[in-house]
Amino acid sequence: MKTLLLGTQNRGKIEELRALLGADYLVQGLEDLGKSPPTVVEDGNSYREHALKKALAYSGWAGCPVLADDSGLEVDALGGAPGVHSAYYGGENLTWPQRWAYLLEALKPFPQEKWTARFRCVLCYVDGTSAPQFFEGVAEGRVVPSPRGDKGFGYDPILWSTDLGMTFAEAPAERKNAVSHRARALFSFRQWLDRLEPRS
């Protein structure tokens, strides 16, 4: 079994990626190393910049390969916002229900048929020797006027999935993990890994 360090302290992301990678990998998060990780300021203008910055910082700190991600919700009526600012949209100290409410308030001037949106994820893999590798996944949907479901995390309760026919927070984990933006990015990552080191 190979160890893979995920450049995140978000337990939801860790559990999701752990389920997606399966039994071939021992997936660890930053907190699992028993020491405080460096603070990475996400001040870039793209998911790719943020993912690369985190992967390089955490790989140097941990001395091992790191898979880091940056992801967000892109709402068409809001010009792609919140996008790379998704985690802090509306203010750094908001609860998730407050953040959903802030986004829904911003959408009020627009008819609901214009509330099309998507989750986007960019993964960056850094092993300390080769060039960084990037993998991207997108999951299309639309924002719903009130939260639905109690599963998942982040914006899952307010994004209805085109693939699932329900919000991401209403879907069982195995269904979400088949079509999520993170799943699609990770599928590309896994294909790349398998080309390098085919599974027996």
N, C-alpha and C. Protein backbone atom coordinates (compact mmCIF):
# COMPACT_ATOMS: atom_id res chain seq x y z
N MET A 1 0.84 -1.19 0.00
CA MET A 1 0.00 0.00 0.00
C MET A 1 0.88 1.25 0.00
N LYS A 2 0.58 2.19 -0.88
CA LYS A 2 1.35 3.41 -0.98
C LYS A 2 0.69 4.52 -0.15
N THR A 3 1.54 5.40 0.38
CA THR A 3 1.04 6.53 1.15
C THR A 3 0.95 7.75 0.26
N LEU A 4 -0.16 8.45 0.37
CA LEU A 4 -0.34 9.69 -0.38
C LEU A 4 -0.83 10.75 0.60
N LEU A 5 -0.10 11.87 0.65
CA LEU A 5 -0.48 12.97 1.53
C LEU A 5 -1.34 13.95 0.74
N LEU A 6 -2.50 14.24 1.29
CA LEU A 6 -3.39 15.22 0.69
C LEU A 6 -3.15 16.57 1.36
N GLY A 7 -2.97 17.59 0.55
CA GLY A 7 -2.65 18.91 1.08
C GLY A 7 -3.87 19.64 1.59
N THR A 8 -4.55 19.08 2.57
CA THR A 8 -5.75 19.71 3.12
C THR A 8 -5.97 19.27 4.56
N GLN A 9 -6.67 20.12 5.31
CA GLN A 9 -7.13 19.75 6.65
C GLN A 9 -8.65 19.60 6.66
N ASN A 10 -9.25 19.66 5.50
CA ASN A 10 -10.70 19.51 5.37
C ASN A 10 -11.03 18.02 5.41
N ARG A 11 -11.63 17.57 6.53
CA ARG A 11 -11.89 16.14 6.70
C ARG A 11 -12.87 15.62 5.65
N GLY A 12 -13.80 16.48 5.22
CA GLY A 12 -14.73 16.06 4.17
C GLY A 12 -14.01 15.71 2.89
N LYS A 13 -13.05 16.54 2.49
CA LYS A 13 -12.27 16.26 1.29
C LYS A 13 -11.42 15.01 1.46
N ILE A 14 -10.83 14.86 2.64
CA ILE A 14 -9.98 13.69 2.89
C ILE A 14 -10.78 12.40 2.76
N GLU A 15 -11.96 12.37 3.40
CA GLU A 15 -12.78 11.16 3.34
C GLU A 15 -13.27 10.89 1.92
N GLU A 16 -13.60 11.95 1.21
CA GLU A 16 -14.06 11.79 -0.17
C GLU A 16 -12.95 11.24 -1.05
N LEU A 17 -11.75 11.80 -0.94
CA LEU A 17 -10.63 11.33 -1.76
C LEU A 17 -10.17 9.94 -1.33
N ARG A 18 -10.27 9.66 -0.04
CA ARG A 18 -9.92 8.31 0.45
C ARG A 18 -10.84 7.27 -0.17
N ALA A 19 -12.12 7.57 -0.22
CA ALA A 19 -13.08 6.64 -0.81
C ALA A 19 -12.83 6.49 -2.31
N LEU A 20 -12.47 7.58 -2.96
CA LEU A 20 -12.25 7.54 -4.41
C LEU A 20 -10.98 6.80 -4.79
N LEU A 21 -9.93 6.90 -3.97
CA LEU A 21 -8.67 6.23 -4.30
C LEU A 21 -8.71 4.75 -3.98
N GLY A 22 -9.51 4.36 -3.00
CA GLY A 22 -9.65 2.95 -2.69
C GLY A 22 -8.51 2.39 -1.85
N ALA A 23 -8.42 1.07 -1.84
CA ALA A 23 -7.52 0.37 -0.91
C ALA A 23 -6.06 0.36 -1.34
N ASP A 24 -5.76 0.85 -2.53
CA ASP A 24 -4.37 0.83 -2.99
C ASP A 24 -3.50 1.88 -2.28
N TYR A 25 -4.15 2.85 -1.65
CA TYR A 25 -3.41 3.96 -1.04
C TYR A 25 -3.82 4.19 0.41
N LEU A 26 -2.82 4.47 1.22
CA LEU A 26 -3.06 4.99 2.57
C LEU A 26 -3.10 6.50 2.44
N VAL A 27 -4.29 7.05 2.54
CA VAL A 27 -4.48 8.48 2.34
C VAL A 27 -4.40 9.19 3.68
N GLN A 28 -3.52 10.18 3.76
CA GLN A 28 -3.37 10.97 4.97
C GLN A 28 -3.64 12.44 4.69
N GLY A 29 -4.17 13.13 5.67
CA GLY A 29 -4.32 14.57 5.60
C GLY A 29 -3.21 15.24 6.38
N LEU A 30 -3.12 16.55 6.31
CA LEU A 30 -2.04 17.27 6.97
C LEU A 30 -2.04 17.04 8.48
N GLU A 31 -3.22 16.95 9.08
CA GLU A 31 -3.30 16.78 10.53
C GLU A 31 -2.79 15.41 10.98
N ASP A 32 -2.76 14.45 10.07
CA ASP A 32 -2.36 13.09 10.43
C ASP A 32 -0.86 12.97 10.68
N LEU A 33 -0.08 13.99 10.31
CA LEU A 33 1.38 13.92 10.48
C LEU A 33 1.83 14.32 11.88
N GLY A 34 0.92 14.88 12.67
CA GLY A 34 1.26 15.19 14.06
C GLY A 34 2.11 16.42 14.24
N LYS A 35 2.17 17.27 13.25
CA LYS A 35 2.89 18.54 13.38
C LYS A 35 2.14 19.60 12.60
N SER A 36 2.38 20.85 12.97
CA SER A 36 1.61 21.94 12.37
C SER A 36 2.10 22.25 10.96
N PRO A 37 1.21 22.20 9.98
CA PRO A 37 1.62 22.51 8.61
C PRO A 37 1.81 24.00 8.42
N PRO A 38 2.57 24.38 7.41
CA PRO A 38 2.73 25.81 7.13
C PRO A 38 1.42 26.42 6.66
N THR A 39 1.27 27.70 6.91
CA THR A 39 0.10 28.43 6.42
C THR A 39 0.34 28.84 4.97
N VAL A 40 -0.60 28.50 4.12
CA VAL A 40 -0.49 28.86 2.71
C VAL A 40 -1.57 29.91 2.42
N VAL A 41 -1.15 31.07 2.02
CA VAL A 41 -2.09 32.15 1.70
C VAL A 41 -2.56 31.96 0.25
N GLU A 42 -3.87 31.78 0.10
CA GLU A 42 -4.43 31.56 -1.23
C GLU A 42 -4.76 32.91 -1.87
N ASP A 43 -3.74 33.56 -2.41
CA ASP A 43 -3.89 34.90 -2.96
C ASP A 43 -3.74 34.93 -4.47
N GLY A 44 -3.85 33.76 -5.11
CA GLY A 44 -3.74 33.69 -6.56
C GLY A 44 -5.07 34.01 -7.24
N ASN A 45 -5.05 33.95 -8.56
CA ASN A 45 -6.23 34.27 -9.34
C ASN A 45 -6.87 33.06 -10.00
N SER A 46 -6.37 31.86 -9.67
CA SER A 46 -6.91 30.66 -10.31
C SER A 46 -6.78 29.47 -9.37
N TYR A 47 -7.61 28.46 -9.61
CA TYR A 47 -7.50 27.21 -8.86
C TYR A 47 -6.11 26.60 -9.05
N ARG A 48 -5.61 26.69 -10.27
CA ARG A 48 -4.30 26.10 -10.58
C ARG A 48 -3.20 26.73 -9.73
N GLU A 49 -3.22 28.05 -9.62
CA GLU A 49 -2.22 28.74 -8.80
C GLU A 49 -2.30 28.27 -7.35
N HIS A 50 -3.51 28.21 -6.82
CA HIS A 50 -3.68 27.82 -5.42
C HIS A 50 -3.25 26.38 -5.19
N ALA A 51 -3.66 25.49 -6.07
CA ALA A 51 -3.31 24.07 -5.91
C ALA A 51 -1.79 23.88 -5.98
N LEU A 52 -1.14 24.56 -6.91
CA LEU A 52 0.32 24.46 -7.03
C LEU A 52 1.00 25.00 -5.79
N LYS A 53 0.54 26.15 -5.33
CA LYS A 53 1.16 26.77 -4.14
C LYS A 53 1.06 25.85 -2.94
N LYS A 54 -0.09 25.25 -2.75
CA LYS A 54 -0.27 24.33 -1.61
C LYS A 54 0.57 23.07 -1.78
N ALA A 55 0.59 22.51 -2.97
CA ALA A 55 1.34 21.27 -3.20
C ALA A 55 2.83 21.48 -2.95
N LEU A 56 3.38 22.59 -3.44
CA LEU A 56 4.80 22.87 -3.25
C LEU A 56 5.13 23.10 -1.77
N ALA A 57 4.29 23.88 -1.10
CA ALA A 57 4.55 24.18 0.32
C ALA A 57 4.48 22.93 1.18
N TYR A 58 3.46 22.12 0.97
CA TYR A 58 3.28 20.95 1.83
C TYR A 58 4.28 19.84 1.49
N SER A 59 4.66 19.73 0.23
CA SER A 59 5.65 18.72 -0.14
C SER A 59 7.01 19.06 0.48
N GLY A 60 7.37 20.33 0.43
CA GLY A 60 8.62 20.75 1.05
C GLY A 60 8.63 20.56 2.55
N TRP A 61 7.47 20.80 3.16
CA TRP A 61 7.33 20.65 4.62
C TRP A 61 7.35 19.20 5.06
N ALA A 62 6.64 18.35 4.32
CA ALA A 62 6.50 16.95 4.72
C ALA A 62 7.60 16.06 4.16
N GLY A 63 8.26 16.50 3.09
CA GLY A 63 9.31 15.69 2.49
C GLY A 63 8.79 14.47 1.76
N CYS A 64 7.58 14.58 1.20
CA CYS A 64 7.00 13.45 0.48
C CYS A 64 6.07 13.98 -0.61
N PRO A 65 5.63 13.12 -1.53
CA PRO A 65 4.70 13.56 -2.56
C PRO A 65 3.39 14.05 -1.96
N VAL A 66 2.83 15.07 -2.58
CA VAL A 66 1.58 15.67 -2.09
C VAL A 66 0.62 15.86 -3.26
N LEU A 67 -0.64 15.56 -2.99
CA LEU A 67 -1.72 15.88 -3.91
C LEU A 67 -2.55 16.98 -3.25
N ALA A 68 -2.55 18.16 -3.84
CA ALA A 68 -3.31 19.28 -3.29
C ALA A 68 -4.42 19.67 -4.26
N ASP A 69 -5.48 20.23 -3.72
CA ASP A 69 -6.58 20.63 -4.59
C ASP A 69 -7.01 22.05 -4.29
N ASP A 70 -7.59 22.66 -5.28
CA ASP A 70 -8.36 23.87 -5.05
C ASP A 70 -9.64 23.71 -5.85
N SER A 71 -10.72 24.11 -5.26
CA SER A 71 -12.00 23.90 -5.92
C SER A 71 -12.96 25.02 -5.53
N GLY A 72 -14.04 25.12 -6.28
CA GLY A 72 -14.99 26.16 -5.97
C GLY A 72 -16.28 26.02 -6.74
N LEU A 73 -17.20 26.88 -6.41
CA LEU A 73 -18.51 26.95 -7.07
C LEU A 73 -18.50 28.14 -8.02
N GLU A 74 -18.91 27.91 -9.26
CA GLU A 74 -18.97 28.97 -10.26
C GLU A 74 -20.42 29.17 -10.69
N VAL A 75 -20.96 30.34 -10.42
CA VAL A 75 -22.35 30.64 -10.75
C VAL A 75 -22.39 31.58 -11.94
N ASP A 76 -23.04 31.16 -13.01
CA ASP A 76 -23.02 31.93 -14.25
C ASP A 76 -23.60 33.33 -14.09
N ALA A 77 -24.71 33.45 -13.38
CA ALA A 77 -25.35 34.76 -13.22
C ALA A 77 -24.48 35.74 -12.46
N LEU A 78 -23.53 35.22 -11.69
CA LEU A 78 -22.63 36.07 -10.90
C LEU A 78 -21.27 36.21 -11.57
N GLY A 79 -21.21 35.92 -12.86
CA GLY A 79 -19.96 36.06 -13.60
C GLY A 79 -18.89 35.06 -13.21
N GLY A 80 -19.33 33.89 -12.71
CA GLY A 80 -18.38 32.87 -12.28
C GLY A 80 -18.03 32.91 -10.81
N ALA A 81 -18.53 33.90 -10.09
CA ALA A 81 -18.32 33.97 -8.64
C ALA A 81 -19.17 32.89 -7.96
N PRO A 82 -18.76 32.46 -6.76
CA PRO A 82 -17.59 32.91 -6.01
C PRO A 82 -16.25 32.36 -6.50
N GLY A 83 -16.23 31.29 -7.29
CA GLY A 83 -15.00 30.80 -7.90
C GLY A 83 -13.90 30.52 -6.90
N VAL A 84 -12.70 31.07 -7.17
CA VAL A 84 -11.55 30.79 -6.30
C VAL A 84 -11.75 31.35 -4.89
N HIS A 85 -12.74 32.21 -4.71
CA HIS A 85 -13.02 32.78 -3.38
C HIS A 85 -14.15 32.05 -2.66
N SER A 86 -14.50 30.87 -3.14
CA SER A 86 -15.66 30.15 -2.60
C SER A 86 -15.60 29.94 -1.09
N ALA A 87 -14.42 29.58 -0.58
CA ALA A 87 -14.31 29.25 0.85
C ALA A 87 -14.52 30.46 1.74
N TYR A 88 -14.35 31.67 1.18
CA TYR A 88 -14.45 32.88 2.01
C TYR A 88 -15.52 33.83 1.49
N TYR A 89 -16.36 33.35 0.60
CA TYR A 89 -17.36 34.21 -0.04
C TYR A 89 -18.30 34.80 1.01
N GLY A 90 -18.41 36.12 1.01
CA GLY A 90 -19.26 36.80 1.98
C GLY A 90 -18.56 37.18 3.25
N GLY A 91 -17.34 36.70 3.46
CA GLY A 91 -16.59 36.99 4.68
C GLY A 91 -15.93 35.75 5.24
N GLU A 92 -14.78 35.91 5.85
CA GLU A 92 -13.99 34.76 6.31
C GLU A 92 -14.65 33.99 7.43
N ASN A 93 -15.40 34.64 8.28
CA ASN A 93 -15.89 34.00 9.51
C ASN A 93 -17.35 33.55 9.44
N LEU A 94 -17.91 33.50 8.24
CA LEU A 94 -19.30 33.06 8.11
C LEU A 94 -19.42 31.55 8.30
N THR A 95 -20.53 31.12 8.86
CA THR A 95 -20.87 29.70 8.85
C THR A 95 -21.31 29.32 7.44
N TRP A 96 -21.39 28.03 7.16
CA TRP A 96 -21.83 27.64 5.82
C TRP A 96 -23.28 28.07 5.57
N PRO A 97 -24.20 27.92 6.50
CA PRO A 97 -25.55 28.44 6.23
C PRO A 97 -25.57 29.94 5.94
N GLN A 98 -24.73 30.70 6.61
CA GLN A 98 -24.64 32.14 6.34
C GLN A 98 -24.07 32.39 4.94
N ARG A 99 -23.12 31.57 4.54
CA ARG A 99 -22.51 31.72 3.21
C ARG A 99 -23.53 31.38 2.12
N TRP A 100 -24.32 30.32 2.34
CA TRP A 100 -25.37 29.99 1.37
C TRP A 100 -26.36 31.15 1.26
N ALA A 101 -26.74 31.70 2.41
CA ALA A 101 -27.71 32.79 2.41
C ALA A 101 -27.15 34.01 1.68
N TYR A 102 -25.89 34.28 1.85
CA TYR A 102 -25.25 35.40 1.18
C TYR A 102 -25.29 35.20 -0.34
N LEU A 103 -24.99 34.00 -0.79
CA LEU A 103 -25.01 33.71 -2.22
C LEU A 103 -26.42 33.79 -2.78
N LEU A 104 -27.38 33.24 -2.06
CA LEU A 104 -28.77 33.28 -2.52
C LEU A 104 -29.30 34.70 -2.58
N GLU A 105 -28.86 35.54 -1.66
CA GLU A 105 -29.25 36.95 -1.70
C GLU A 105 -28.68 37.63 -2.94
N ALA A 106 -27.44 37.29 -3.29
CA ALA A 106 -26.82 37.87 -4.49
C ALA A 106 -27.53 37.43 -5.76
N LEU A 107 -28.20 36.28 -5.72
CA LEU A 107 -28.88 35.75 -6.90
C LEU A 107 -30.31 36.27 -7.05
N LYS A 108 -30.83 36.92 -6.04
CA LYS A 108 -32.24 37.35 -6.07
C LYS A 108 -32.61 38.21 -7.30
N PRO A 109 -31.71 39.07 -7.80
CA PRO A 109 -32.09 39.88 -8.96
C PRO A 109 -32.24 39.08 -10.26
N PHE A 110 -31.81 37.83 -10.25
CA PHE A 110 -31.80 37.03 -11.47
C PHE A 110 -32.88 35.96 -11.42
N PRO A 111 -33.55 35.68 -12.55
CA PRO A 111 -34.53 34.59 -12.58
C PRO A 111 -33.83 33.25 -12.34
N GLN A 112 -34.55 32.32 -11.71
CA GLN A 112 -33.92 31.06 -11.31
C GLN A 112 -33.40 30.24 -12.49
N GLU A 113 -33.99 30.44 -13.68
CA GLU A 113 -33.47 29.69 -14.82
C GLU A 113 -32.06 30.13 -15.21
N LYS A 114 -31.62 31.28 -14.65
CA LYS A 114 -30.27 31.78 -14.91
C LYS A 114 -29.29 31.33 -13.82
N TRP A 115 -29.75 30.50 -12.89
CA TRP A 115 -28.90 30.11 -11.77
C TRP A 115 -28.04 28.88 -12.09
N THR A 116 -27.68 28.70 -13.33
CA THR A 116 -26.82 27.58 -13.71
C THR A 116 -25.44 27.77 -13.07
N ALA A 117 -24.83 26.66 -12.71
CA ALA A 117 -23.58 26.72 -11.97
C ALA A 117 -22.84 25.39 -12.08
N ARG A 118 -21.65 25.37 -11.55
CA ARG A 118 -20.87 24.14 -11.57
C ARG A 118 -19.84 24.17 -10.43
N PHE A 119 -19.46 22.98 -10.01
CA PHE A 119 -18.30 22.82 -9.16
C PHE A 119 -17.10 22.53 -10.06
N ARG A 120 -15.97 23.15 -9.76
CA ARG A 120 -14.74 22.87 -10.50
C ARG A 120 -13.63 22.53 -9.50
N CYS A 121 -12.83 21.54 -9.84
CA CYS A 121 -11.71 21.12 -8.99
C CYS A 121 -10.45 21.01 -9.84
N VAL A 122 -9.36 21.53 -9.33
CA VAL A 122 -8.05 21.33 -9.94
C VAL A 122 -7.15 20.68 -8.90
N LEU A 123 -6.59 19.54 -9.25
CA LEU A 123 -5.63 18.83 -8.41
C LEU A 123 -4.22 19.10 -8.93
N CYS A 124 -3.27 19.23 -8.02
CA CYS A 124 -1.87 19.36 -8.38
C CYS A 124 -1.07 18.32 -7.61
N TYR A 125 -0.28 17.55 -8.34
CA TYR A 125 0.56 16.51 -7.72
C TYR A 125 2.02 16.94 -7.85
N VAL A 126 2.70 16.98 -6.71
CA VAL A 126 4.12 17.34 -6.66
C VAL A 126 4.85 16.23 -5.91
N ASP A 127 5.90 15.69 -6.55
CA ASP A 127 6.67 14.63 -5.88
C ASP A 127 8.09 15.05 -5.52
N GLY A 128 8.44 16.31 -5.82
CA GLY A 128 9.76 16.81 -5.45
C GLY A 128 10.84 16.55 -6.47
N THR A 129 10.54 15.77 -7.49
CA THR A 129 11.55 15.47 -8.51
C THR A 129 11.09 15.81 -9.92
N SER A 130 9.83 15.52 -10.22
CA SER A 130 9.30 15.77 -11.56
C SER A 130 8.52 17.08 -11.59
N ALA A 131 8.16 17.50 -12.79
CA ALA A 131 7.35 18.71 -12.94
C ALA A 131 5.97 18.49 -12.32
N PRO A 132 5.38 19.52 -11.73
CA PRO A 132 4.03 19.39 -11.17
C PRO A 132 3.04 18.94 -12.25
N GLN A 133 2.08 18.10 -11.84
CA GLN A 133 1.06 17.60 -12.75
C GLN A 133 -0.29 18.11 -12.29
N PHE A 134 -1.14 18.50 -13.26
CA PHE A 134 -2.45 19.06 -12.95
C PHE A 134 -3.56 18.21 -13.56
N PHE A 135 -4.68 18.14 -12.81
CA PHE A 135 -5.83 17.35 -13.24
C PHE A 135 -7.09 18.13 -12.87
N GLU A 136 -8.05 18.19 -13.80
CA GLU A 136 -9.23 19.03 -13.58
C GLU A 136 -10.51 18.24 -13.76
N GLY A 137 -11.50 18.58 -12.96
CA GLY A 137 -12.82 17.97 -13.09
C GLY A 137 -13.92 19.00 -12.87
N VAL A 138 -15.04 18.82 -13.58
CA VAL A 138 -16.17 19.75 -13.49
C VAL A 138 -17.46 18.96 -13.30
N ALA A 139 -18.36 19.47 -12.46
CA ALA A 139 -19.68 18.86 -12.26
C ALA A 139 -20.73 19.96 -12.43
N GLU A 140 -21.57 19.81 -13.46
CA GLU A 140 -22.54 20.85 -13.81
C GLU A 140 -23.81 20.73 -12.98
N GLY A 141 -24.49 21.88 -12.80
CA GLY A 141 -25.76 21.88 -12.07
C GLY A 141 -26.38 23.25 -12.05
N ARG A 142 -27.16 23.49 -11.02
CA ARG A 142 -27.77 24.81 -10.83
C ARG A 142 -28.01 25.02 -9.34
N VAL A 143 -27.99 26.28 -8.95
CA VAL A 143 -28.24 26.62 -7.55
C VAL A 143 -29.73 26.51 -7.26
N VAL A 144 -30.06 25.94 -6.12
CA VAL A 144 -31.47 25.83 -5.70
C VAL A 144 -31.77 26.94 -4.68
N PRO A 145 -33.04 27.37 -4.57
CA PRO A 145 -33.37 28.53 -3.73
C PRO A 145 -33.30 28.29 -2.24
N SER A 146 -33.21 27.03 -1.82
CA SER A 146 -33.04 26.75 -0.39
C SER A 146 -32.25 25.45 -0.24
N PRO A 147 -31.49 25.30 0.85
CA PRO A 147 -30.65 24.11 1.02
C PRO A 147 -31.48 22.83 1.07
N ARG A 148 -30.91 21.76 0.50
CA ARG A 148 -31.56 20.46 0.53
C ARG A 148 -30.51 19.39 0.87
N GLY A 149 -30.84 18.55 1.83
CA GLY A 149 -29.95 17.44 2.17
C GLY A 149 -29.00 17.77 3.30
N ASP A 150 -28.49 16.72 3.94
CA ASP A 150 -27.60 16.91 5.09
C ASP A 150 -26.29 16.15 4.94
N LYS A 151 -25.99 15.74 3.72
CA LYS A 151 -24.72 15.03 3.48
C LYS A 151 -23.72 16.00 2.86
N GLY A 152 -22.49 15.52 2.68
CA GLY A 152 -21.50 16.32 2.01
C GLY A 152 -21.01 17.48 2.86
N PHE A 153 -20.52 18.53 2.20
CA PHE A 153 -19.97 19.68 2.90
C PHE A 153 -19.93 20.86 1.93
N GLY A 154 -19.54 22.03 2.44
CA GLY A 154 -19.43 23.19 1.58
C GLY A 154 -20.77 23.59 0.98
N TYR A 155 -20.76 23.81 -0.33
CA TYR A 155 -21.95 24.25 -1.05
C TYR A 155 -22.84 23.10 -1.50
N ASP A 156 -22.55 21.88 -1.10
CA ASP A 156 -23.31 20.71 -1.55
C ASP A 156 -24.83 20.87 -1.40
N PRO A 157 -25.33 21.46 -0.29
CA PRO A 157 -26.79 21.53 -0.13
C PRO A 157 -27.50 22.49 -1.09
N ILE A 158 -26.77 23.38 -1.75
CA ILE A 158 -27.46 24.35 -2.61
C ILE A 158 -27.12 24.17 -4.09
N LEU A 159 -26.38 23.11 -4.44
CA LEU A 159 -26.13 22.87 -5.86
C LEU A 159 -26.81 21.58 -6.29
N TRP A 160 -27.81 21.72 -7.13
CA TRP A 160 -28.51 20.58 -7.73
C TRP A 160 -27.64 20.05 -8.86
N SER A 161 -27.40 18.75 -8.85
CA SER A 161 -26.51 18.12 -9.82
C SER A 161 -27.28 17.65 -11.05
N THR A 162 -26.81 18.04 -12.22
CA THR A 162 -27.40 17.58 -13.48
C THR A 162 -27.29 16.06 -13.58
N ASP A 163 -26.19 15.49 -13.13
CA ASP A 163 -25.97 14.05 -13.23
C ASP A 163 -26.83 13.27 -12.24
N LEU A 164 -27.00 13.82 -11.04
CA LEU A 164 -27.66 13.07 -9.97
C LEU A 164 -29.17 13.31 -9.92
N GLY A 165 -29.63 14.47 -10.40
CA GLY A 165 -31.04 14.81 -10.29
C GLY A 165 -31.44 15.16 -8.87
N MET A 166 -30.51 15.60 -8.08
CA MET A 166 -30.71 16.02 -6.69
C MET A 166 -29.52 16.86 -6.29
N THR A 167 -29.58 17.50 -5.12
CA THR A 167 -28.40 18.23 -4.68
C THR A 167 -27.31 17.25 -4.27
N PHE A 168 -26.09 17.75 -4.25
CA PHE A 168 -24.97 16.89 -3.84
C PHE A 168 -25.12 16.46 -2.38
N ALA A 169 -25.81 17.27 -1.57
CA ALA A 169 -26.01 16.93 -0.16
C ALA A 169 -27.13 15.91 0.04
N GLU A 170 -27.95 15.68 -0.97
CA GLU A 170 -29.00 14.67 -0.89
C GLU A 170 -28.49 13.30 -1.35
N ALA A 171 -27.39 13.28 -2.07
CA ALA A 171 -26.91 12.04 -2.69
C ALA A 171 -26.09 11.20 -1.72
N PRO A 172 -26.29 9.88 -1.72
CA PRO A 172 -25.39 9.00 -0.96
C PRO A 172 -23.96 9.19 -1.44
N ALA A 173 -23.00 8.96 -0.55
CA ALA A 173 -21.60 9.22 -0.88
C ALA A 173 -21.15 8.49 -2.13
N GLU A 174 -21.59 7.22 -2.28
CA GLU A 174 -21.12 6.46 -3.43
C GLU A 174 -21.62 7.04 -4.75
N ARG A 175 -22.82 7.63 -4.73
CA ARG A 175 -23.34 8.26 -5.94
C ARG A 175 -22.63 9.58 -6.22
N LYS A 176 -22.46 10.38 -5.18
CA LYS A 176 -21.74 11.64 -5.34
C LYS A 176 -20.33 11.38 -5.85
N ASN A 177 -19.66 10.37 -5.29
CA ASN A 177 -18.28 10.09 -5.64
C ASN A 177 -18.11 9.53 -7.05
N ALA A 178 -19.22 9.24 -7.71
CA ALA A 178 -19.14 8.77 -9.09
C ALA A 178 -19.14 9.93 -10.08
N VAL A 179 -19.66 11.10 -9.67
CA VAL A 179 -19.85 12.17 -10.64
C VAL A 179 -19.32 13.53 -10.17
N SER A 180 -18.78 13.63 -8.98
CA SER A 180 -18.37 14.93 -8.47
C SER A 180 -17.18 15.48 -9.25
N HIS A 181 -16.99 16.78 -9.13
CA HIS A 181 -15.84 17.44 -9.75
C HIS A 181 -14.53 16.86 -9.24
N ARG A 182 -14.48 16.56 -7.94
CA ARG A 182 -13.27 15.99 -7.36
C ARG A 182 -13.05 14.57 -7.87
N ALA A 183 -14.14 13.83 -8.02
CA ALA A 183 -14.03 12.46 -8.55
C ALA A 183 -13.48 12.48 -9.97
N ARG A 184 -13.95 13.41 -10.78
CA ARG A 184 -13.50 13.46 -12.18
C ARG A 184 -12.04 13.88 -12.28
N ALA A 185 -11.62 14.83 -11.44
CA ALA A 185 -10.21 15.21 -11.42
C ALA A 185 -9.36 14.04 -10.93
N LEU A 186 -9.85 13.35 -9.92
CA LEU A 186 -9.08 12.24 -9.36
C LEU A 186 -9.02 11.06 -10.32
N PHE A 187 -10.08 10.87 -11.10
CA PHE A 187 -10.05 9.81 -12.10
C PHE A 187 -8.93 10.06 -13.10
N SER A 188 -8.77 11.31 -13.52
CA SER A 188 -7.67 11.65 -14.43
C SER A 188 -6.32 11.42 -13.76
N PHE A 189 -6.23 11.79 -12.47
CA PHE A 189 -5.00 11.56 -11.72
C PHE A 189 -4.69 10.06 -11.63
N ARG A 190 -5.72 9.27 -11.34
CA ARG A 190 -5.52 7.82 -11.20
C ARG A 190 -5.11 7.20 -12.54
N GLN A 191 -5.69 7.66 -13.63
CA GLN A 191 -5.28 7.16 -14.95
C GLN A 191 -3.81 7.47 -15.21
N TRP A 192 -3.39 8.68 -14.85
CA TRP A 192 -1.99 9.08 -15.03
C TRP A 192 -1.08 8.21 -14.17
N LEU A 193 -1.46 7.98 -12.91
CA LEU A 193 -0.66 7.12 -12.04
C LEU A 193 -0.53 5.71 -12.61
N ASP A 194 -1.63 5.20 -13.12
CA ASP A 194 -1.62 3.83 -13.63
C ASP A 194 -0.77 3.69 -14.89
N ARG A 195 -0.66 4.76 -15.66
CA ARG A 195 0.24 4.71 -16.82
C ARG A 195 1.69 4.68 -16.37
N LEU A 196 1.99 5.37 -15.25
CA LEU A 196 3.34 5.35 -14.72
C LEU A 196 3.68 4.03 -14.04
N GLU A 197 2.72 3.56 -13.24
CA GLU A 197 2.92 2.35 -12.45
C GLU A 197 1.66 1.48 -12.56
N PRO A 198 1.58 0.69 -13.62
CA PRO A 198 0.38 -0.12 -13.81
C PRO A 198 0.09 -1.02 -12.61
N ARG A 199 -1.19 -1.11 -12.27
CA ARG A 199 -1.59 -1.99 -11.17
C ARG A 199 -1.49 -3.45 -11.63
N SER A 200 -1.06 -4.31 -10.70
CA SER A 200 -0.96 -5.73 -11.04
C SER A 200 -2.32 -6.39 -10.98
